[in-house]
């Protein structure tokens, strides 16, 4: 796909980029090369090739969900500065 300077200028306007004449020429050349590479990729025959999201087979590494430290409510409440039976006492914040 050939890319002309008017297209680069139009895209720059859409992106609100202020490009000099030299930058427009430079980007026209660079973007043209990038589009040529995409044309080469598009020409490849990919029939029969499964789509992939990664090239390496990933095996999920899950562990069993096992409780290793069972809750001990009395021990947790023992460190509270103020308690009311099984509850923590905190300062009132809403009037």
PDB file of N, CA and C in Angstrom:
ATOM      1  N   UNK A   1       0.852  -1.175   0.000  1.00  0.00           N
ATOM      2  CA  UNK A   1       0.000   0.000   0.000  1.00  0.00           C
ATOM      3  C   UNK A   1       0.891   1.229   0.000  1.00  0.00           C
ATOM      4  N   UNK A   2       0.661   2.059  -0.950  1.00  0.00           N
ATOM      5  CA  UNK A   2       1.457   3.281  -0.996  1.00  0.00           C
ATOM      6  C   UNK A   2       0.770   4.352  -0.156  1.00  0.00           C
ATOM      7  N   UNK A   3       1.587   5.092   0.504  1.00  0.00           N
ATOM      8  CA  UNK A   3       1.087   6.138   1.390  1.00  0.00           C
ATOM      9  C   UNK A   3       1.586   7.468   0.855  1.00  0.00           C
ATOM     10  N   UNK A   4       0.681   8.416   0.671  1.00  0.00           N
ATOM     11  CA  UNK A   4       1.128   9.715   0.164  1.00  0.00           C
ATOM     12  C   UNK A   4       1.134  10.744   1.292  1.00  0.00           C
ATOM     13  N   UNK A   5       1.728  11.851   0.984  1.00  0.00           N
ATOM     14  CA  UNK A   5       1.921  12.897   1.981  1.00  0.00           C
ATOM     15  C   UNK A   5       0.588  13.497   2.434  1.00  0.00           C
ATOM     16  N   UNK A   6      -0.389  13.558   1.535  1.00  0.00           N
ATOM     17  CA  UNK A   6      -1.698  14.104   1.905  1.00  0.00           C
ATOM     18  C   UNK A   6      -2.370  13.248   2.979  1.00  0.00           C
ATOM     19  N   UNK A   7      -2.202  11.925   2.890  1.00  0.00           N
ATOM     20  CA  UNK A   7      -2.777  11.039   3.896  1.00  0.00           C
ATOM     21  C   UNK A   7      -2.114  11.258   5.249  1.00  0.00           C
ATOM     22  N   UNK A   8      -0.808  11.379   5.250  1.00  0.00           N
ATOM     23  CA  UNK A   8      -0.077  11.637   6.506  1.00  0.00           C
ATOM     24  C   UNK A   8      -0.505  12.976   7.087  1.00  0.00           C
ATOM     25  N   UNK A   9      -0.669  13.976   6.232  1.00  0.00           N
ATOM     26  CA  UNK A   9      -1.103  15.295   6.690  1.00  0.00           C
ATOM     27  C   UNK A   9      -2.506  15.210   7.295  1.00  0.00           C
ATOM     28  N   UNK A  10      -3.401  14.451   6.644  1.00  0.00           N
ATOM     29  CA  UNK A  10      -4.769  14.300   7.129  1.00  0.00           C
ATOM     30  C   UNK A  10      -4.795  13.582   8.484  1.00  0.00           C
ATOM     31  N   UNK A  11      -4.023  12.533   8.613  1.00  0.00           N
ATOM     32  CA  UNK A  11      -3.963  11.801   9.882  1.00  0.00           C
ATOM     33  C   UNK A  11      -3.384  12.693  10.982  1.00  0.00           C
ATOM     34  N   UNK A  12      -2.390  13.476  10.647  1.00  0.00           N
ATOM     35  CA  UNK A  12      -1.795  14.395  11.626  1.00  0.00           C
ATOM     36  C   UNK A  12      -2.824  15.419  12.081  1.00  0.00           C
ATOM     37  N   UNK A  13      -3.647  15.902  11.167  1.00  0.00           N
ATOM     38  CA  UNK A  13      -4.698  16.846  11.553  1.00  0.00           C
ATOM     39  C   UNK A  13      -5.716  16.186  12.476  1.00  0.00           C
ATOM     40  N   UNK A  14      -6.097  14.945  12.160  1.00  0.00           N
ATOM     41  CA  UNK A  14      -7.052  14.234  13.005  1.00  0.00           C
ATOM     42  C   UNK A  14      -6.490  14.003  14.405  1.00  0.00           C
ATOM     43  N   UNK A  15      -5.189  13.774  14.480  1.00  0.00           N
ATOM     44  CA  UNK A  15      -4.539  13.528  15.771  1.00  0.00           C
ATOM     45  C   UNK A  15      -4.099  14.824  16.447  1.00  0.00           C
ATOM     46  N   UNK A  16      -4.420  15.932  15.839  1.00  0.00           N
ATOM     47  CA  UNK A  16      -4.043  17.257  16.364  1.00  0.00           C
ATOM     48  C   UNK A  16      -2.533  17.392  16.530  1.00  0.00           C
ATOM     49  N   UNK A  17      -1.795  16.876  15.542  1.00  0.00           N
ATOM     50  CA  UNK A  17      -0.334  16.980  15.547  1.00  0.00           C
ATOM     51  C   UNK A  17       0.084  18.067  14.565  1.00  0.00           C
ATOM     52  N   UNK A  18       0.988  18.885  14.999  1.00  0.00           N
ATOM     53  CA  UNK A  18       1.538  19.908  14.106  1.00  0.00           C
ATOM     54  C   UNK A  18       2.877  19.402  13.585  1.00  0.00           C
ATOM     55  N   UNK A  19       2.882  18.951  12.325  1.00  0.00           N
ATOM     56  CA  UNK A  19       4.095  18.408  11.729  1.00  0.00           C
ATOM     57  C   UNK A  19       4.667  19.392  10.734  1.00  0.00           C
ATOM     58  N   UNK A  20       5.996  19.484  10.732  1.00  0.00           N
ATOM     59  CA  UNK A  20       6.660  20.309   9.730  1.00  0.00           C
ATOM     60  C   UNK A  20       6.687  19.535   8.407  1.00  0.00           C
ATOM     61  N   UNK A  21       7.072  20.234   7.331  1.00  0.00           N
ATOM     62  CA  UNK A  21       7.162  19.579   6.019  1.00  0.00           C
ATOM     63  C   UNK A  21       8.155  18.417   6.067  1.00  0.00           C
ATOM     64  N   UNK A  22       9.260  18.622   6.772  1.00  0.00           N
ATOM     65  CA  UNK A  22      10.282  17.585   6.890  1.00  0.00           C
ATOM     66  C   UNK A  22       9.737  16.370   7.647  1.00  0.00           C
ATOM     67  N   UNK A  23       8.991  16.613   8.734  1.00  0.00           N
ATOM     68  CA  UNK A  23       8.415  15.506   9.509  1.00  0.00           C
ATOM     69  C   UNK A  23       7.372  14.750   8.695  1.00  0.00           C
ATOM     70  N   UNK A  24       6.563  15.475   7.916  1.00  0.00           N
ATOM     71  CA  UNK A  24       5.580  14.808   7.064  1.00  0.00           C
ATOM     72  C   UNK A  24       6.264  13.889   6.065  1.00  0.00           C
ATOM     73  N   UNK A  25       7.356  14.355   5.477  1.00  0.00           N
ATOM     74  CA  UNK A  25       8.092  13.530   4.518  1.00  0.00           C
ATOM     75  C   UNK A  25       8.688  12.309   5.215  1.00  0.00           C
ATOM     76  N   UNK A  26       9.247  12.518   6.396  1.00  0.00           N
ATOM     77  CA  UNK A  26       9.860  11.430   7.154  1.00  0.00           C
ATOM     78  C   UNK A  26       8.807  10.391   7.545  1.00  0.00           C
ATOM     79  N   UNK A  27       7.663  10.849   8.046  1.00  0.00           N
ATOM     80  CA  UNK A  27       6.610   9.914   8.459  1.00  0.00           C
ATOM     81  C   UNK A  27       5.980   9.211   7.268  1.00  0.00           C
ATOM     82  N   UNK A  28       5.897   9.888   6.140  1.00  0.00           N
ATOM     83  CA  UNK A  28       5.367   9.244   4.936  1.00  0.00           C
ATOM     84  C   UNK A  28       6.228   8.049   4.570  1.00  0.00           C
ATOM     85  N   UNK A  29       7.530   8.229   4.607  1.00  0.00           N
ATOM     86  CA  UNK A  29       8.463   7.148   4.284  1.00  0.00           C
ATOM     87  C   UNK A  29       8.384   6.028   5.331  1.00  0.00           C
ATOM     88  N   UNK A  30       8.428   6.380   6.611  1.00  0.00           N
ATOM     89  CA  UNK A  30       8.424   5.377   7.682  1.00  0.00           C
ATOM     90  C   UNK A  30       7.117   4.592   7.726  1.00  0.00           C
ATOM     91  N   UNK A  31       5.997   5.289   7.641  1.00  0.00           N
ATOM     92  CA  UNK A  31       4.706   4.605   7.690  1.00  0.00           C
ATOM     93  C   UNK A  31       4.487   3.750   6.446  1.00  0.00           C
ATOM     94  N   UNK A  32       5.029   4.187   5.317  1.00  0.00           N
ATOM     95  CA  UNK A  32       4.949   3.386   4.091  1.00  0.00           C
ATOM     96  C   UNK A  32       5.660   2.052   4.268  1.00  0.00           C
ATOM     97  N   UNK A  33       6.833   2.063   4.886  1.00  0.00           N
ATOM     98  CA  UNK A  33       7.575   0.820   5.139  1.00  0.00           C
ATOM     99  C   UNK A  33       6.807  -0.089   6.107  1.00  0.00           C
ATOM    100  N   UNK A  34       6.205   0.498   7.117  1.00  0.00           N
ATOM    101  CA  UNK A  34       5.430  -0.297   8.078  1.00  0.00           C
ATOM    102  C   UNK A  34       4.255  -0.963   7.374  1.00  0.00           C
ATOM    103  N   UNK A  35       3.558  -0.217   6.529  1.00  0.00           N
ATOM    104  CA  UNK A  35       2.414  -0.787   5.812  1.00  0.00           C
ATOM    105  C   UNK A  35       2.851  -1.875   4.834  1.00  0.00           C
ATOM    106  N   UNK A  36       4.040  -1.743   4.247  1.00  0.00           N
ATOM    107  CA  UNK A  36       4.560  -2.794   3.365  1.00  0.00           C
ATOM    108  C   UNK A  36       4.763  -4.095   4.138  1.00  0.00           C
ATOM    109  N   UNK A  37       5.249  -3.994   5.366  1.00  0.00           N
ATOM    110  CA  UNK A  37       5.435  -5.197   6.192  1.00  0.00           C
ATOM    111  C   UNK A  37       4.084  -5.850   6.508  1.00  0.00           C
ATOM    112  N   UNK A  38       3.071  -5.038   6.773  1.00  0.00           N
ATOM    113  CA  UNK A  38       1.744  -5.592   7.024  1.00  0.00           C
ATOM    114  C   UNK A  38       1.182  -6.262   5.774  1.00  0.00           C
ATOM    115  N   UNK A  39       1.467  -5.725   4.606  1.00  0.00           N
ATOM    116  CA  UNK A  39       1.027  -6.360   3.360  1.00  0.00           C
ATOM    117  C   UNK A  39       1.688  -7.732   3.192  1.00  0.00           C
ATOM    118  N   UNK A  40       2.974  -7.830   3.564  1.00  0.00           N
ATOM    119  CA  UNK A  40       3.663  -9.119   3.504  1.00  0.00           C
ATOM    120  C   UNK A  40       3.013 -10.123   4.452  1.00  0.00           C
ATOM    121  N   UNK A  41       2.666  -9.677   5.644  1.00  0.00           N
ATOM    122  CA  UNK A  41       2.011 -10.559   6.606  1.00  0.00           C
ATOM    123  C   UNK A  41       0.624 -10.970   6.112  1.00  0.00           C
ATOM    124  N   UNK A  42      -0.094 -10.045   5.500  1.00  0.00           N
ATOM    125  CA  UNK A  42      -1.433 -10.352   5.007  1.00  0.00           C
ATOM    126  C   UNK A  42      -1.383 -11.355   3.859  1.00  0.00           C
ATOM    127  N   UNK A  43      -0.278 -11.410   3.129  1.00  0.00           N
ATOM    128  CA  UNK A  43      -0.159 -12.311   1.990  1.00  0.00           C
ATOM    129  C   UNK A  43       0.135 -13.751   2.414  1.00  0.00           C
ATOM    130  N   UNK A  44       0.513 -13.968   3.662  1.00  0.00           N
ATOM    131  CA  UNK A  44       0.828 -15.311   4.135  1.00  0.00           C
ATOM    132  C   UNK A  44      -0.423 -16.175   4.192  1.00  0.00           C
ATOM    133  N   UNK A  45      -0.265 -17.443   3.837  1.00  0.00           N
ATOM    134  CA  UNK A  45      -1.366 -18.384   3.903  1.00  0.00           C
ATOM    135  C   UNK A  45      -1.461 -18.922   5.328  1.00  0.00           C
ATOM    136  N   UNK A  46      -2.556 -18.598   5.991  1.00  0.00           N
ATOM    137  CA  UNK A  46      -2.730 -19.038   7.378  1.00  0.00           C
ATOM    138  C   UNK A  46      -3.870 -20.046   7.509  1.00  0.00           C
ATOM    139  N   UNK A  47      -4.258 -20.660   6.398  1.00  0.00           N
ATOM    140  CA  UNK A  47      -5.308 -21.677   6.458  1.00  0.00           C
ATOM    141  C   UNK A  47      -4.828 -22.866   7.278  1.00  0.00           C
ATOM    142  N   UNK A  48      -5.669 -23.349   8.161  1.00  0.00           N
ATOM    143  CA  UNK A  48      -5.338 -24.512   8.967  1.00  0.00           C
ATOM    144  C   UNK A  48      -4.473 -24.217  10.172  1.00  0.00           C
ATOM    145  N   UNK A  49      -4.164 -22.966  10.405  1.00  0.00           N
ATOM    146  CA  UNK A  49      -3.354 -22.605  11.572  1.00  0.00           C
ATOM    147  C   UNK A  49      -4.293 -22.098  12.662  1.00  0.00           C
ATOM    148  N   UNK A  50      -4.212 -22.740  13.812  1.00  0.00           N
ATOM    149  CA  UNK A  50      -5.072 -22.363  14.923  1.00  0.00           C
ATOM    150  C   UNK A  50      -4.663 -20.995  15.471  1.00  0.00           C
ATOM    151  N   UNK A  51      -5.641 -20.154  15.781  1.00  0.00           N
ATOM    152  CA  UNK A  51      -5.305 -18.869  16.407  1.00  0.00           C
ATOM    153  C   UNK A  51      -4.716 -19.095  17.796  1.00  0.00           C
ATOM    154  N   UNK A  52      -3.735 -18.292  18.144  1.00  0.00           N
ATOM    155  CA  UNK A  52      -3.107 -18.422  19.457  1.00  0.00           C
ATOM    156  C   UNK A  52      -2.992 -17.057  20.110  1.00  0.00           C
ATOM    157  N   UNK A  53      -2.972 -17.062  21.410  1.00  0.00           N
ATOM    158  CA  UNK A  53      -2.722 -15.833  22.139  1.00  0.00           C
ATOM    159  C   UNK A  53      -1.293 -15.821  22.670  1.00  0.00           C
ATOM    160  N   UNK A  54      -0.651 -16.989  22.632  1.00  0.00           N
ATOM    161  CA  UNK A  54       0.736 -17.088  23.066  1.00  0.00           C
ATOM    162  C   UNK A  54       1.394 -18.231  22.295  1.00  0.00           C
ATOM    163  N   UNK A  55       2.689 -18.160  22.120  1.00  0.00           N
ATOM    164  CA  UNK A  55       3.386 -19.204  21.381  1.00  0.00           C
ATOM    165  C   UNK A  55       3.880 -20.318  22.290  1.00  0.00           C
ATOM    166  N   UNK A  56       3.794 -20.115  23.590  1.00  0.00           N
ATOM    167  CA  UNK A  56       4.242 -21.104  24.554  1.00  0.00           C
ATOM    168  C   UNK A  56       3.007 -21.690  25.232  1.00  0.00           C
ATOM    169  N   UNK A  57       2.957 -23.019  25.349  1.00  0.00           N
ATOM    170  CA  UNK A  57       1.843 -23.634  26.062  1.00  0.00           C
ATOM    171  C   UNK A  57       1.938 -23.284  27.532  1.00  0.00           C
ATOM    172  N   UNK A  58       0.903 -22.622  28.010  1.00  0.00           N
ATOM    173  CA  UNK A  58       0.877 -22.226  29.415  1.00  0.00           C
ATOM    174  C   UNK A  58       0.003 -23.196  30.190  1.00  0.00           C
ATOM    175  N   UNK A  59       0.550 -23.732  31.259  1.00  0.00           N
ATOM    176  CA  UNK A  59      -0.196 -24.625  32.129  1.00  0.00           C
ATOM    177  C   UNK A  59      -0.553 -23.828  33.377  1.00  0.00           C
ATOM    178  N   UNK A  60      -1.848 -23.722  33.668  1.00  0.00           N
ATOM    179  CA  UNK A  60      -2.216 -22.955  34.859  1.00  0.00           C
ATOM    180  C   UNK A  60      -1.608 -23.561  36.116  1.00  0.00           C
ATOM    181  N   UNK A  61      -1.039 -22.733  36.908  1.00  0.00           N
ATOM    182  CA  UNK A  61      -0.409 -23.177  38.157  1.00  0.00           C
ATOM    183  C   UNK A  61      -1.313 -22.764  39.320  1.00  0.00           C
ATOM    184  N   UNK A  62      -2.316 -23.580  39.562  1.00  0.00           N
ATOM    185  CA  UNK A  62      -3.227 -23.299  40.657  1.00  0.00           C
ATOM    186  C   UNK A  62      -2.857 -24.149  41.860  1.00  0.00           C
ATOM    187  N   UNK A  63      -3.132 -23.630  43.017  1.00  0.00           N
ATOM    188  CA  UNK A  63      -2.923 -24.403  44.230  1.00  0.00           C
ATOM    189  C   UNK A  63      -4.280 -24.636  44.872  1.00  0.00           C
ATOM    190  N   UNK A  64      -4.356 -25.650  45.695  1.00  0.00           N
ATOM    191  CA  UNK A  64      -5.590 -25.907  46.415  1.00  0.00           C
ATOM    192  C   UNK A  64      -5.839 -24.787  47.401  1.00  0.00           C
ATOM    193  N   UNK A  65      -7.087 -24.402  47.533  1.00  0.00           N
ATOM    194  CA  UNK A  65      -7.467 -23.350  48.474  1.00  0.00           C
ATOM    195  C   UNK A  65      -7.655 -23.974  49.845  1.00  0.00           C
ATOM    196  N   UNK A  66      -6.567 -24.004  50.590  1.00  0.00           N
ATOM    197  CA  UNK A  66      -6.570 -24.649  51.899  1.00  0.00           C
ATOM    198  C   UNK A  66      -6.300 -23.585  52.960  1.00  0.00           C
ATOM    199  N   UNK A  67      -7.109 -23.595  54.000  1.00  0.00           N
ATOM    200  CA  UNK A  67      -6.908 -22.661  55.102  1.00  0.00           C
ATOM    201  C   UNK A  67      -5.726 -23.148  55.924  1.00  0.00           C
ATOM    202  N   UNK A  68      -4.696 -22.313  56.033  1.00  0.00           N
ATOM    203  CA  UNK A  68      -3.506 -22.705  56.797  1.00  0.00           C
ATOM    204  C   UNK A  68      -3.478 -22.068  58.179  1.00  0.00           C
ATOM    205  N   UNK A  69      -4.245 -21.002  58.355  1.00  0.00           N
ATOM    206  CA  UNK A  69      -4.318 -20.374  59.677  1.00  0.00           C
ATOM    207  C   UNK A  69      -5.794 -20.167  60.023  1.00  0.00           C
ATOM    208  N   UNK A  70      -6.388 -21.144  60.710  1.00  0.00           N
ATOM    209  CA  UNK A  70      -7.820 -21.036  61.020  1.00  0.00           C
ATOM    210  C   UNK A  70      -8.091 -19.806  61.877  1.00  0.00           C
ATOM    211  N   UNK A  71      -9.243 -19.182  61.668  1.00  0.00           N
ATOM    212  CA  UNK A  71      -9.548 -17.972  62.447  1.00  0.00           C
ATOM    213  C   UNK A  71      -9.658 -18.279  63.941  1.00  0.00           C
ATOM    214  N   UNK A  72      -9.101 -17.389  64.710  1.00  0.00           N
ATOM    215  CA  UNK A  72      -9.168 -17.501  66.171  1.00  0.00           C
ATOM    216  C   UNK A  72      -9.730 -16.180  66.692  1.00  0.00           C
ATOM    217  N   UNK A  73     -11.057 -16.045  66.743  1.00  0.00           N
ATOM    218  CA  UNK A  73     -11.675 -14.760  67.085  1.00  0.00           C
ATOM    219  C   UNK A  73     -11.240 -14.208  68.442  1.00  0.00           C
ATOM    220  N   UNK A  74     -11.093 -15.032  69.415  1.00  0.00           N
ATOM    221  CA  UNK A  74     -10.696 -14.541  70.744  1.00  0.00           C
ATOM    222  C   UNK A  74      -9.299 -13.931  70.700  1.00  0.00           C
ATOM    223  N   UNK A  75      -8.396 -14.576  69.995  1.00  0.00           N
ATOM    224  CA  UNK A  75      -7.034 -14.051  69.888  1.00  0.00           C
ATOM    225  C   UNK A  75      -7.022 -12.729  69.126  1.00  0.00           C
ATOM    226  N   UNK A  76      -7.860 -12.599  68.107  1.00  0.00           N
ATOM    227  CA  UNK A  76      -7.927 -11.348  67.349  1.00  0.00           C
ATOM    228  C   UNK A  76      -8.495 -10.219  68.209  1.00  0.00           C
ATOM    229  N   UNK A  77      -9.529 -10.515  68.959  1.00  0.00           N
ATOM    230  CA  UNK A  77     -10.149  -9.477  69.790  1.00  0.00           C
ATOM    231  C   UNK A  77      -9.295  -9.138  71.013  1.00  0.00           C
ATOM    232  N   UNK A  78      -8.383  -9.990  71.374  1.00  0.00           N
ATOM    233  CA  UNK A  78      -7.545  -9.730  72.553  1.00  0.00           C
ATOM    234  C   UNK A  78      -6.681  -8.498  72.361  1.00  0.00           C
ATOM    235  N   UNK A  79      -6.348  -8.149  71.154  1.00  0.00           N
ATOM    236  CA  UNK A  79      -5.497  -6.989  70.891  1.00  0.00           C
ATOM    237  C   UNK A  79      -6.285  -5.694  70.740  1.00  0.00           C
ATOM    238  N   UNK A  80      -7.606  -5.758  70.796  1.00  0.00           N
ATOM    239  CA  UNK A  80      -8.426  -4.562  70.603  1.00  0.00           C
ATOM    240  C   UNK A  80      -8.299  -3.637  71.803  1.00  0.00           C
ATOM    241  N   UNK A  81      -8.177  -2.335  71.575  1.00  0.00           N
ATOM    242  CA  UNK A  81      -8.079  -1.402  72.700  1.00  0.00           C
ATOM    243  C   UNK A  81      -9.386  -1.302  73.485  1.00  0.00           C
ATOM    244  N   UNK A  82     -10.532  -1.528  72.808  1.00  0.00           N
ATOM    245  CA  UNK A  82     -11.825  -1.478  73.508  1.00  0.00           C
ATOM    246  C   UNK A  82     -12.738  -2.529  72.898  1.00  0.00           C
ATOM    247  N   UNK A  83     -13.417  -3.273  73.777  1.00  0.00           N
ATOM    248  CA  UNK A  83     -14.320  -4.335  73.327  1.00  0.00           C
ATOM    249  C   UNK A  83     -15.644  -4.241  74.065  1.00  0.00           C
ATOM    250  N   UNK A  84     -16.660  -4.750  73.379  1.00  0.00           N
ATOM    251  CA  UNK A  84     -17.957  -4.923  74.021  1.00  0.00           C
ATOM    252  C   UNK A  84     -18.408  -6.326  73.662  1.00  0.00           C
ATOM    253  N   UNK A  85     -18.156  -7.258  74.546  1.00  0.00           N
ATOM    254  CA  UNK A  85     -18.436  -8.675  74.336  1.00  0.00           C
ATOM    255  C   UNK A  85     -17.652  -9.171  73.115  1.00  0.00           C
ATOM    256  N   UNK A  86     -18.324  -9.546  72.026  1.00  0.00           N
ATOM    257  CA  UNK A  86     -17.632 -10.065  70.841  1.00  0.00           C
ATOM    258  C   UNK A  86     -17.397  -8.997  69.772  1.00  0.00           C
ATOM    259  N   UNK A  87     -17.541  -7.724  70.120  1.00  0.00           N
ATOM    260  CA  UNK A  87     -17.440  -6.655  69.129  1.00  0.00           C
ATOM    261  C   UNK A  87     -16.311  -5.689  69.491  1.00  0.00           C
ATOM    262  N   UNK A  88     -15.759  -5.033  68.465  1.00  0.00           N
ATOM    263  CA  UNK A  88     -14.784  -3.969  68.669  1.00  0.00           C
ATOM    264  C   UNK A  88     -15.539  -2.676  68.943  1.00  0.00           C
ATOM    265  N   UNK A  89     -15.061  -1.888  69.882  1.00  0.00           N
ATOM    266  CA  UNK A  89     -15.640  -0.570  70.131  1.00  0.00           C
ATOM    267  C   UNK A  89     -14.763   0.461  69.434  1.00  0.00           C
ATOM    268  N   UNK A  90     -15.419   1.321  68.655  1.00  0.00           N
ATOM    269  CA  UNK A  90     -14.691   2.369  67.924  1.00  0.00           C
ATOM    270  C   UNK A  90     -15.357   3.706  68.219  1.00  0.00           C
ATOM    271  N   UNK A  91     -14.622   4.808  68.040  1.00  0.00           N
ATOM    272  CA  UNK A  91     -15.215   6.110  68.294  1.00  0.00           C
ATOM    273  C   UNK A  91     -16.351   6.401  67.306  1.00  0.00           C
ATOM    274  N   UNK A  92     -17.348   7.123  67.763  1.00  0.00           N
ATOM    275  CA  UNK A  92     -18.460   7.495  66.923  1.00  0.00           C
ATOM    276  C   UNK A  92     -17.990   8.555  65.922  1.00  0.00           C
ATOM    277  N   UNK A  93     -18.344   8.368  64.656  1.00  0.00           N
ATOM    278  CA  UNK A  93     -17.902   9.324  63.644  1.00  0.00           C
ATOM    279  C   UNK A  93     -19.073  10.046  62.975  1.00  0.00           C
ATOM    280  N   UNK A  94     -20.287   9.542  63.164  1.00  0.00           N
ATOM    281  CA  UNK A  94     -21.476  10.173  62.576  1.00  0.00           C
ATOM    282  C   UNK A  94     -22.333  10.715  63.710  1.00  0.00           C
ATOM    283  N   UNK A  95     -22.743  11.942  63.570  1.00  0.00           N
ATOM    284  CA  UNK A  95     -23.571  12.562  64.607  1.00  0.00           C
ATOM    285  C   UNK A  95     -25.022  12.319  64.324  1.00  0.00           C
TER     286      UNK A  95
END
